[in-house]
N, C-alpha and C. Protein backbone atom coordinates (compact mmCIF):
# COMPACT_ATOMS: atom_id res chain seq x y z
N MET A 1 0.76 -1.24 0.20
CA MET A 1 0.17 -0.22 -0.06
C MET A 1 0.66 1.35 0.05
N ILE A 2 1.97 1.44 0.68
CA ILE A 2 2.87 2.65 0.87
C ILE A 2 3.50 2.74 -0.51
N GLU A 3 3.84 1.67 -1.20
CA GLU A 3 4.12 2.20 -2.73
C GLU A 3 3.33 2.72 -3.52
N ALA A 4 2.15 2.20 -3.52
CA ALA A 4 1.24 3.06 -4.41
C ALA A 4 0.71 4.40 -3.83
N GLU A 5 0.91 4.57 -2.71
CA GLU A 5 0.58 5.96 -1.96
C GLU A 5 1.66 6.90 -2.37
N PHE A 6 3.05 6.11 -2.43
CA PHE A 6 4.35 7.02 -2.97
C PHE A 6 4.25 6.97 -4.24
N GLY A 7 3.65 6.47 -4.94
CA GLY A 7 3.40 6.62 -6.40
C GLY A 7 2.55 7.65 -7.01
N ILE A 8 1.43 8.04 -5.96
CA ILE A 8 0.45 8.91 -6.11
C ILE A 8 1.41 10.17 -5.98
N LEU A 9 2.13 10.26 -4.93
CA LEU A 9 2.53 11.40 -4.43
C LEU A 9 3.96 11.83 -5.41
N TYR A 10 4.62 10.89 -5.94
CA TYR A 10 5.66 11.13 -6.91
C TYR A 10 5.11 11.59 -8.25
N PHE A 11 3.75 11.09 -8.46
CA PHE A 11 3.32 11.83 -9.77
C PHE A 11 2.92 12.93 -9.69
N LEU A 12 2.24 13.38 -8.40
CA LEU A 12 1.88 14.87 -7.92
C LEU A 12 3.22 15.79 -8.32
N GLN A 13 4.58 15.12 -7.71
CA GLN A 13 5.61 15.80 -7.92
C GLN A 13 5.98 16.09 -9.33
N SER A 14 5.70 15.40 -10.13
CA SER A 14 6.05 15.68 -11.95
C SER A 14 5.38 16.55 -12.08
N ILE A 15 4.07 17.06 -11.77
CA ILE A 15 3.53 18.14 -12.53
C ILE A 15 3.49 19.16 -11.83
N HIS A 16 4.45 19.49 -10.92
CA HIS A 16 4.68 20.90 -10.37
C HIS A 16 5.32 22.04 -11.29
N THR A 17 4.30 23.25 -11.20
CA THR A 17 4.85 24.25 -11.90
C THR A 17 5.30 25.50 -11.13
N PRO A 18 5.95 26.61 -11.47
CA PRO A 18 6.18 27.70 -10.37
C PRO A 18 4.89 28.36 -9.82
N TRP A 19 3.72 28.23 -10.98
CA TRP A 19 2.22 29.12 -10.52
C TRP A 19 1.85 28.09 -9.48
N LEU A 20 1.70 26.80 -9.94
CA LEU A 20 0.86 26.15 -9.25
C LEU A 20 1.87 26.01 -7.76
N ASP A 21 3.04 25.81 -7.61
CA ASP A 21 3.47 26.10 -6.45
C ASP A 21 3.08 26.98 -5.47
N VAL A 22 2.97 28.19 -6.17
CA VAL A 22 2.57 29.42 -5.50
C VAL A 22 1.38 29.10 -4.86
N VAL A 23 0.42 28.59 -5.92
CA VAL A 23 -0.74 28.66 -5.66
C VAL A 23 -1.10 27.80 -4.32
N MET A 24 -0.60 26.43 -4.35
CA MET A 24 -0.84 25.26 -3.55
C MET A 24 -0.21 25.57 -2.10
N LYS A 25 0.90 26.40 -2.07
CA LYS A 25 1.51 27.14 -1.14
C LYS A 25 0.49 27.86 -0.18
N ASN A 26 -0.21 28.79 -1.05
CA ASN A 26 -0.96 29.81 -0.08
C ASN A 26 -2.07 28.93 0.40
N ILE A 27 -3.12 28.47 -0.44
CA ILE A 27 -3.95 27.59 -0.22
C ILE A 27 -3.65 26.48 1.00
N THR A 28 -2.56 25.89 1.28
CA THR A 28 -2.36 25.18 2.31
C THR A 28 -2.48 25.87 3.48
N HIS A 29 -1.80 27.03 3.56
CA HIS A 29 -1.60 28.18 4.54
C HIS A 29 -2.94 28.53 5.04
N LEU A 30 -3.87 28.20 4.39
CA LEU A 30 -5.02 28.76 4.70
C LEU A 30 -5.87 27.70 5.93
N GLY A 31 -5.16 26.43 5.67
CA GLY A 31 -5.53 25.33 6.97
C GLY A 31 -4.51 25.10 7.88
N ASP A 32 -3.16 26.10 8.07
CA ASP A 32 -2.39 26.18 9.25
C ASP A 32 -3.16 26.06 10.45
N SER A 33 -3.01 25.50 11.27
CA SER A 33 -3.68 25.39 12.60
C SER A 33 -5.17 25.68 12.75
N GLY A 34 -5.92 25.57 11.55
CA GLY A 34 -7.09 25.73 11.55
C GLY A 34 -7.58 26.96 11.79
N ILE A 35 -6.83 27.97 11.50
CA ILE A 35 -7.08 29.67 11.99
C ILE A 35 -8.00 29.92 10.87
N PHE A 36 -8.10 29.75 9.78
CA PHE A 36 -8.91 30.14 8.92
C PHE A 36 -10.51 29.75 9.06
N TRP A 37 -10.49 28.37 9.46
CA TRP A 37 -11.90 27.81 10.00
C TRP A 37 -12.33 28.43 11.25
N ILE A 38 -11.36 28.29 12.29
CA ILE A 38 -11.75 29.20 13.58
C ILE A 38 -12.35 30.76 13.31
N LEU A 39 -11.46 31.49 12.59
CA LEU A 39 -12.12 32.61 12.43
C LEU A 39 -13.48 32.72 11.56
N THR A 40 -13.35 31.83 10.83
CA THR A 40 -14.90 31.66 9.91
C THR A 40 -15.85 31.07 11.23
N GLY A 41 -15.78 30.25 11.88
CA GLY A 41 -16.56 30.05 12.99
C GLY A 41 -17.08 31.26 13.88
N LEU A 42 -16.12 32.00 14.12
CA LEU A 42 -16.29 33.01 15.00
C LEU A 42 -16.95 34.21 14.43
N VAL A 43 -16.85 34.29 13.29
CA VAL A 43 -17.50 35.37 12.76
C VAL A 43 -18.91 34.98 12.53
N LEU A 44 -19.40 33.79 11.88
CA LEU A 44 -20.76 33.02 11.84
C LEU A 44 -21.52 33.23 13.37
N PHE A 45 -20.41 32.97 14.39
CA PHE A 45 -21.16 32.81 15.51
C PHE A 45 -21.83 34.20 15.89
N CYS A 46 -20.89 35.04 15.64
CA CYS A 46 -21.48 36.64 15.68
C CYS A 46 -22.70 37.18 15.66
N PHE A 47 -23.28 36.47 14.63
CA PHE A 47 -24.56 36.83 14.05
C PHE A 47 -25.54 36.01 14.19
N LYS A 48 -26.54 36.55 14.90
CA LYS A 48 -27.95 35.70 15.12
C LYS A 48 -28.22 34.89 14.32
N LYS A 49 -28.51 35.17 13.01
CA LYS A 49 -28.95 34.51 11.66
C LYS A 49 -27.97 33.10 11.81
N THR A 50 -26.56 33.45 11.72
CA THR A 50 -25.66 32.25 11.89
C THR A 50 -24.96 31.65 12.62
N ARG A 51 -25.50 32.22 13.84
CA ARG A 51 -25.02 31.55 15.33
C ARG A 51 -24.84 30.38 15.25
N ARG A 52 -25.93 29.36 15.02
CA ARG A 52 -26.09 27.92 15.40
C ARG A 52 -24.96 27.34 14.31
N MET A 53 -24.77 27.87 12.99
CA MET A 53 -23.86 27.31 12.24
C MET A 53 -22.23 27.79 12.65
N GLY A 54 -22.26 28.90 13.34
CA GLY A 54 -21.03 29.23 13.89
C GLY A 54 -20.47 28.24 14.69
N PHE A 55 -21.45 27.93 16.17
CA PHE A 55 -21.52 27.12 16.93
C PHE A 55 -20.70 25.86 16.73
N CYS A 56 -21.68 25.06 15.38
CA CYS A 56 -21.50 24.03 15.06
C CYS A 56 -19.81 23.88 14.37
N VAL A 57 -19.41 24.93 13.78
CA VAL A 57 -18.06 24.96 13.08
C VAL A 57 -17.22 24.87 14.11
N LEU A 58 -17.31 25.66 15.26
CA LEU A 58 -16.48 25.73 16.24
C LEU A 58 -16.47 24.47 17.20
N LEU A 59 -17.56 23.62 17.46
CA LEU A 59 -17.48 22.59 18.15
C LEU A 59 -16.75 21.26 17.35
N SER A 60 -17.10 21.52 16.10
CA SER A 60 -16.67 20.15 15.14
C SER A 60 -15.13 20.35 15.26
N LEU A 61 -14.65 21.58 14.78
CA LEU A 61 -12.95 21.80 15.13
C LEU A 61 -12.59 21.36 16.57
N ALA A 62 -13.11 21.68 17.41
CA ALA A 62 -12.84 21.35 18.81
C ALA A 62 -12.69 19.83 19.03
N GLY A 63 -14.01 19.09 18.34
CA GLY A 63 -13.83 17.55 18.61
C GLY A 63 -12.58 16.94 17.51
N GLY A 64 -12.56 17.59 16.66
CA GLY A 64 -11.05 16.88 15.43
C GLY A 64 -10.08 17.16 16.24
N LEU A 65 -10.00 18.27 16.74
CA LEU A 65 -8.50 18.71 17.72
C LEU A 65 -8.40 17.46 18.58
N LEU A 66 -9.26 17.10 19.37
CA LEU A 66 -9.31 15.92 20.59
C LEU A 66 -9.03 14.73 19.46
N ILE A 67 -10.01 14.43 18.90
CA ILE A 67 -9.93 12.99 18.24
C ILE A 67 -8.69 12.77 17.24
N GLY A 68 -8.55 13.94 16.12
CA GLY A 68 -7.24 13.82 15.06
C GLY A 68 -6.45 14.04 15.77
N ASN A 69 -5.91 15.33 16.21
CA ASN A 69 -4.51 15.87 16.32
C ASN A 69 -3.93 15.22 17.87
N ILE A 70 -4.63 15.23 18.68
CA ILE A 70 -4.09 14.96 20.02
C ILE A 70 -4.16 13.24 20.11
N LEU A 71 -5.52 12.66 19.89
CA LEU A 71 -5.21 11.06 20.08
C LEU A 71 -4.93 10.37 18.79
N LEU A 72 -5.24 10.64 17.75
CA LEU A 72 -4.70 9.28 16.53
C LEU A 72 -3.32 10.11 16.08
N LYS A 73 -3.31 11.21 15.86
CA LYS A 73 -1.73 11.44 15.56
C LYS A 73 -0.70 10.93 16.24
N ASN A 74 -0.84 10.93 17.81
CA ASN A 74 -0.01 10.48 18.74
C ASN A 74 -0.19 8.74 18.86
N LEU A 75 -1.38 8.46 18.74
CA LEU A 75 -1.60 6.59 18.76
C LEU A 75 -0.94 6.13 17.54
N VAL A 76 -1.01 6.62 16.21
CA VAL A 76 -0.77 5.83 15.02
C VAL A 76 0.62 6.21 14.86
N ALA A 77 1.30 7.32 15.09
CA ALA A 77 2.61 7.87 15.03
C ALA A 77 2.98 7.60 13.76
N ARG A 78 2.26 7.93 12.50
CA ARG A 78 2.95 7.65 11.38
C ARG A 78 3.95 8.79 10.86
N ASP A 79 5.11 8.33 10.29
CA ASP A 79 6.00 9.51 9.70
C ASP A 79 5.39 9.88 8.38
N ARG A 80 5.64 11.11 8.26
CA ARG A 80 5.58 11.81 7.21
C ARG A 80 6.01 11.36 5.67
N PRO A 81 5.44 11.46 4.54
CA PRO A 81 6.35 10.95 3.49
C PRO A 81 7.61 11.77 3.47
N CYS A 82 7.40 13.15 3.77
CA CYS A 82 8.95 14.12 3.37
C CYS A 82 9.75 13.58 4.71
N TRP A 83 9.19 12.78 5.44
CA TRP A 83 10.63 12.22 6.64
C TRP A 83 10.97 10.82 5.87
N ILE A 84 10.36 10.28 5.50
CA ILE A 84 10.72 8.80 4.81
C ILE A 84 11.83 9.32 3.59
N ASP A 85 11.06 10.24 2.75
CA ASP A 85 12.13 10.65 1.52
C ASP A 85 12.46 11.95 1.44
N PRO A 86 13.39 12.17 2.44
CA PRO A 86 13.82 13.77 2.23
C PRO A 86 14.44 14.29 1.31
N ALA A 87 14.79 13.41 0.27
CA ALA A 87 15.02 13.98 -1.18
C ALA A 87 14.36 14.75 -1.99
N VAL A 88 12.78 14.72 -1.67
CA VAL A 88 12.09 15.58 -2.17
C VAL A 88 12.00 16.86 -1.69
N GLN A 89 12.27 18.06 -2.10
CA GLN A 89 12.22 19.25 -1.89
C GLN A 89 11.04 19.93 -1.41
N LEU A 90 10.86 20.23 -0.24
CA LEU A 90 9.73 20.79 0.51
C LEU A 90 9.44 22.37 -0.31
N LEU A 91 8.12 22.74 -0.25
CA LEU A 91 8.09 24.14 -0.64
C LEU A 91 7.53 24.88 0.67
N ILE A 92 7.25 24.14 1.79
CA ILE A 92 6.91 24.77 2.82
C ILE A 92 7.65 24.25 4.09
N GLU A 93 7.53 24.59 5.35
CA GLU A 93 8.51 24.31 6.27
C GLU A 93 7.80 22.82 6.68
N ASN A 94 8.80 21.95 6.89
CA ASN A 94 8.88 20.41 7.40
C ASN A 94 7.95 20.23 8.44
N PRO A 95 6.57 19.89 8.46
CA PRO A 95 5.78 19.69 9.90
C PRO A 95 6.74 18.92 10.88
N GLY A 96 6.37 19.17 11.89
CA GLY A 96 7.07 18.44 13.23
C GLY A 96 6.29 17.70 13.71
N ASP A 97 4.86 17.57 13.63
CA ASP A 97 3.75 16.42 13.90
C ASP A 97 3.83 15.24 13.06
N PHE A 98 2.82 14.29 13.68
CA PHE A 98 2.95 13.10 12.87
C PHE A 98 1.88 13.44 11.49
N SER A 99 1.80 12.14 10.90
CA SER A 99 1.11 12.25 9.33
C SER A 99 -0.29 12.27 9.51
N PHE A 100 -0.63 11.07 10.36
CA PHE A 100 -2.20 10.48 10.17
C PHE A 100 -3.08 10.76 11.39
N PRO A 101 -4.15 11.39 11.16
CA PRO A 101 -4.79 11.79 9.82
C PRO A 101 -4.21 13.31 9.62
N SER A 102 -4.54 13.71 8.09
CA SER A 102 -4.33 15.11 8.12
C SER A 102 -5.37 15.92 8.85
N GLY A 103 -4.60 16.86 9.78
CA GLY A 103 -5.40 17.67 10.51
C GLY A 103 -5.83 18.89 9.66
N HIS A 104 -5.11 19.59 8.65
CA HIS A 104 -5.47 20.29 7.65
C HIS A 104 -6.64 19.89 6.91
N THR A 105 -6.74 18.65 6.48
CA THR A 105 -7.96 18.24 5.77
C THR A 105 -9.07 18.03 6.70
N MET A 106 -8.94 17.34 7.66
CA MET A 106 -10.04 17.01 8.81
C MET A 106 -10.89 18.50 9.33
N ALA A 107 -10.02 19.41 9.64
CA ALA A 107 -10.57 20.67 10.06
C ALA A 107 -11.15 21.25 8.83
N SER A 108 -10.92 21.30 7.66
CA SER A 108 -11.60 21.96 6.75
C SER A 108 -12.85 21.25 6.54
N PHE A 109 -13.00 19.89 6.41
CA PHE A 109 -14.00 19.35 6.28
C PHE A 109 -14.98 19.41 7.26
N GLU A 110 -14.66 19.60 8.14
CA GLU A 110 -15.57 19.48 9.63
C GLU A 110 -16.02 21.25 9.42
N ALA A 111 -15.34 22.00 8.94
CA ALA A 111 -15.89 23.49 9.18
C ALA A 111 -16.89 23.61 7.76
N ALA A 112 -16.35 22.98 6.73
CA ALA A 112 -17.13 23.00 5.31
C ALA A 112 -18.50 22.34 5.48
N VAL A 113 -18.59 20.93 6.02
CA VAL A 113 -19.71 20.18 6.06
C VAL A 113 -20.56 21.03 7.34
N SER A 114 -19.99 21.34 8.01
CA SER A 114 -20.86 22.35 9.20
C SER A 114 -21.69 23.48 8.59
N ILE A 115 -20.98 24.09 7.52
CA ILE A 115 -21.54 25.26 6.82
C ILE A 115 -22.46 24.61 6.09
N PHE A 116 -22.16 23.78 5.12
CA PHE A 116 -23.20 23.29 4.19
C PHE A 116 -24.40 22.67 4.86
N LEU A 117 -24.45 22.34 6.02
CA LEU A 117 -25.54 21.72 6.33
C LEU A 117 -26.67 22.74 6.77
N TYR A 118 -26.01 24.01 6.92
CA TYR A 118 -27.06 25.07 7.05
C TYR A 118 -27.18 25.83 6.04
N ASN A 119 -26.42 26.24 5.16
CA ASN A 119 -26.38 26.97 4.05
C ASN A 119 -25.77 26.24 2.68
N ARG A 120 -26.48 25.92 1.83
CA ARG A 120 -25.81 24.84 0.63
C ARG A 120 -25.21 25.77 -0.14
N ARG A 121 -25.05 27.22 -0.59
CA ARG A 121 -24.55 27.94 -1.28
C ARG A 121 -23.03 28.30 -0.77
N TRP A 122 -23.33 28.68 0.71
CA TRP A 122 -21.75 28.82 1.22
C TRP A 122 -21.12 27.64 1.32
N GLY A 123 -21.90 26.46 1.75
CA GLY A 123 -21.04 25.27 2.19
C GLY A 123 -20.61 24.78 0.63
N ALA A 124 -21.02 25.02 -0.28
CA ALA A 124 -20.51 24.15 -1.86
C ALA A 124 -19.10 25.26 -1.97
N ALA A 125 -19.28 26.22 -1.61
CA ALA A 125 -17.99 27.25 -1.72
C ALA A 125 -16.81 26.69 -0.52
N ALA A 126 -17.29 26.24 0.32
CA ALA A 126 -16.62 26.06 1.58
C ALA A 126 -15.94 24.58 1.15
N LEU A 127 -16.82 23.56 0.65
CA LEU A 127 -16.38 22.16 0.42
C LEU A 127 -15.31 22.36 -0.66
N VAL A 128 -15.30 23.10 -1.76
CA VAL A 128 -14.51 23.36 -2.73
C VAL A 128 -13.22 23.90 -2.20
N LEU A 129 -13.25 24.89 -1.02
CA LEU A 129 -11.82 25.10 -0.43
C LEU A 129 -11.28 23.87 0.31
N ALA A 130 -11.92 23.09 0.91
CA ALA A 130 -11.75 22.11 1.95
C ALA A 130 -10.98 21.00 0.89
N ALA A 131 -11.39 20.91 -0.39
CA ALA A 131 -11.03 19.87 -1.34
C ALA A 131 -9.65 20.57 -1.78
N LEU A 132 -9.53 21.37 -2.08
CA LEU A 132 -8.25 22.40 -2.47
C LEU A 132 -7.30 22.34 -1.53
N ILE A 133 -7.58 22.58 -0.13
CA ILE A 133 -6.56 22.46 1.16
C ILE A 133 -6.17 20.98 1.13
N ALA A 134 -7.10 19.90 1.25
CA ALA A 134 -6.83 18.47 1.20
C ALA A 134 -5.66 18.31 -0.20
N PHE A 135 -5.99 18.82 -1.60
CA PHE A 135 -4.86 18.34 -2.56
C PHE A 135 -3.62 18.96 -2.11
N SER A 136 -3.83 20.23 -1.56
CA SER A 136 -2.64 20.85 -1.04
C SER A 136 -1.37 20.20 -0.41
N ARG A 137 -1.95 19.19 0.32
CA ARG A 137 -1.36 18.41 1.59
C ARG A 137 -0.21 17.19 0.71
N LEU A 138 -1.16 16.92 -0.18
CA LEU A 138 -0.37 15.89 -1.04
C LEU A 138 0.24 16.54 -1.89
N TYR A 139 0.05 17.27 -3.04
CA TYR A 139 0.89 18.13 -3.69
C TYR A 139 2.14 18.60 -3.11
N LEU A 140 2.24 19.37 -1.97
CA LEU A 140 3.29 19.48 -1.06
C LEU A 140 4.16 18.48 -0.43
N PHE A 141 3.75 17.04 -0.41
CA PHE A 141 4.53 15.85 -0.14
C PHE A 141 4.69 15.89 1.53
N VAL A 142 3.48 16.45 2.13
CA VAL A 142 3.72 16.30 3.51
C VAL A 142 2.52 15.23 4.16
N HIS A 143 1.79 14.79 3.35
CA HIS A 143 0.65 13.49 3.63
C HIS A 143 0.49 12.60 2.70
N PHE A 144 0.44 11.63 3.13
CA PHE A 144 0.15 10.33 2.41
C PHE A 144 -1.52 10.51 1.76
N PRO A 145 -2.24 9.94 0.71
CA PRO A 145 -3.42 9.93 0.40
C PRO A 145 -4.11 9.43 1.50
N SER A 146 -3.71 8.27 2.30
CA SER A 146 -4.51 7.80 3.26
C SER A 146 -4.83 8.66 4.29
N ASP A 147 -3.72 9.52 4.76
CA ASP A 147 -4.05 10.52 5.79
C ASP A 147 -5.08 11.54 5.31
N VAL A 148 -5.04 12.02 4.01
CA VAL A 148 -6.05 12.76 3.62
C VAL A 148 -7.33 12.16 3.72
N LEU A 149 -7.49 11.12 3.03
CA LEU A 149 -8.70 10.63 2.97
C LEU A 149 -9.30 10.43 4.34
N THR A 150 -8.48 9.83 5.14
CA THR A 150 -9.13 9.75 6.62
C THR A 150 -9.48 11.00 7.28
N GLY A 151 -8.56 12.06 7.09
CA GLY A 151 -8.98 13.53 7.52
C GLY A 151 -10.21 13.94 7.15
N LEU A 152 -10.46 13.57 5.75
CA LEU A 152 -11.79 13.96 4.99
C LEU A 152 -13.14 13.30 5.71
N VAL A 153 -12.96 11.84 5.89
CA VAL A 153 -13.85 11.18 6.53
C VAL A 153 -13.96 11.42 8.06
N LEU A 154 -13.48 11.65 8.61
CA LEU A 154 -13.30 11.95 9.99
C LEU A 154 -14.01 13.15 9.99
N GLY A 155 -13.63 14.11 9.34
CA GLY A 155 -14.22 15.65 9.34
C GLY A 155 -15.78 15.66 9.09
N VAL A 156 -16.11 14.71 8.10
CA VAL A 156 -17.67 14.93 7.60
C VAL A 156 -18.08 14.30 8.88
N VAL A 157 -17.67 13.17 9.50
CA VAL A 157 -18.26 12.31 10.49
C VAL A 157 -18.34 13.37 11.73
N ILE A 158 -17.41 13.99 12.09
CA ILE A 158 -17.42 14.65 13.34
C ILE A 158 -18.42 16.08 12.91
N ALA A 159 -18.53 16.56 11.90
CA ALA A 159 -19.61 17.66 11.64
C ALA A 159 -21.10 17.11 11.64
N LEU A 160 -21.16 16.13 10.92
CA LEU A 160 -22.47 15.43 11.00
C LEU A 160 -22.95 15.18 12.35
N ALA A 161 -22.00 14.30 12.94
CA ALA A 161 -22.53 14.00 14.87
C ALA A 161 -22.63 15.34 15.34
N VAL A 162 -21.79 16.22 15.05
CA VAL A 162 -22.17 17.74 16.02
C VAL A 162 -23.24 18.22 15.42
N HIS A 163 -23.60 18.25 14.12
CA HIS A 163 -24.89 18.98 13.66
C HIS A 163 -25.95 18.31 14.48
N LYS A 164 -25.80 16.98 14.31
CA LYS A 164 -27.01 16.28 14.68
C LYS A 164 -27.46 16.52 16.36
N GLY A 165 -26.30 16.26 16.89
CA GLY A 165 -26.50 16.39 18.43
C GLY A 165 -26.79 17.84 18.82
N VAL A 166 -26.39 18.99 18.10
CA VAL A 166 -26.92 20.35 18.47
C VAL A 166 -28.56 20.47 17.85
N GLU A 167 -28.81 19.90 16.81
CA GLU A 167 -30.12 20.11 16.57
C GLU A 167 -31.22 19.31 17.34
N TRP A 168 -30.76 18.06 17.93
CA TRP A 168 -31.47 17.40 18.82
C TRP A 168 -31.86 18.27 20.01
N LEU A 169 -30.69 18.99 20.71
CA LEU A 169 -30.46 19.82 21.83
C LEU A 169 -31.61 20.99 21.64
N VAL A 170 -31.43 21.51 20.45
CA VAL A 170 -32.36 22.63 20.00
C VAL A 170 -33.70 21.99 20.12
N ARG A 171 -34.18 21.01 19.51
CA ARG A 171 -35.41 20.47 19.56
C ARG A 171 -35.87 19.98 21.04
N GLN A 172 -35.00 19.62 21.70
CA GLN A 172 -35.42 19.17 23.34
C GLN A 172 -35.68 20.36 23.96
N LYS A 173 -34.85 21.41 23.64
CA LYS A 173 -35.21 22.96 24.42
C LYS A 173 -36.70 23.21 24.14
N LYS A 174 -36.90 23.55 22.65
CA LYS A 174 -38.20 23.82 22.23
C LYS A 174 -39.24 22.95 22.83
N GLU A 175 -39.09 21.82 22.64
CA GLU A 175 -40.34 20.89 23.52
C GLU A 175 -40.54 21.25 25.07
N LYS A 176 -39.39 21.22 25.48
CA LYS A 176 -39.17 21.90 27.10
C LYS A 176 -40.14 23.10 27.43
N ASN A 177 -39.70 23.91 26.46
CA ASN A 177 -40.27 25.41 26.41
C ASN A 177 -41.99 25.26 25.97
N GLY A 178 -42.44 24.30 25.44
CA GLY A 178 -43.81 24.41 24.80
C GLY A 178 -43.62 25.05 23.51
N ASP A 179 -42.65 24.90 22.71
CA ASP A 179 -42.45 25.67 21.56
C ASP A 179 -42.37 24.73 20.16
N ALA A 180 -42.96 23.47 20.43
CA ALA A 180 -42.89 22.30 19.58
C ALA A 180 -43.32 22.58 18.40
N GLU A 181 -42.69 22.37 17.38
CA GLU A 181 -43.21 22.89 15.84
C GLU A 181 -44.35 21.73 15.23
């Protein structure tokens, strides 16, 4: 399996161009520490109309941080492709944490799916950005495809679980207050 994953990564190395290098570096930096998505969640949370959406974004990001970045990365402790093959010149700083799962991808899909579940148009744009961030991690040789795929799946599952939980709590509160629809 590792040979197939390296095959994909080496193919992506073969399609590098100067302009695409710049684009991918900039796109990947949007996912650094989840800051873009955290800010998005905070902005959404500030407005009554999008408060629940923002809350779900932020809660999903917190869940992903615990499950993916703190638990799974350290439990699996998978080396990054750039650590295994240091001959590939990196276009970004060599990450210091483990590879599995991709935190950039997980956070991006947690936020994008959370947005999509409340607003399809905004969510579609967020999903495109999430996919670009995920692809950038492969292009930049810092994650294996299985890291990115697992980050995507975890991000979607976490966002769906948070959404379902929040909506259940809202319904419970409405029923308790006699506001059942």
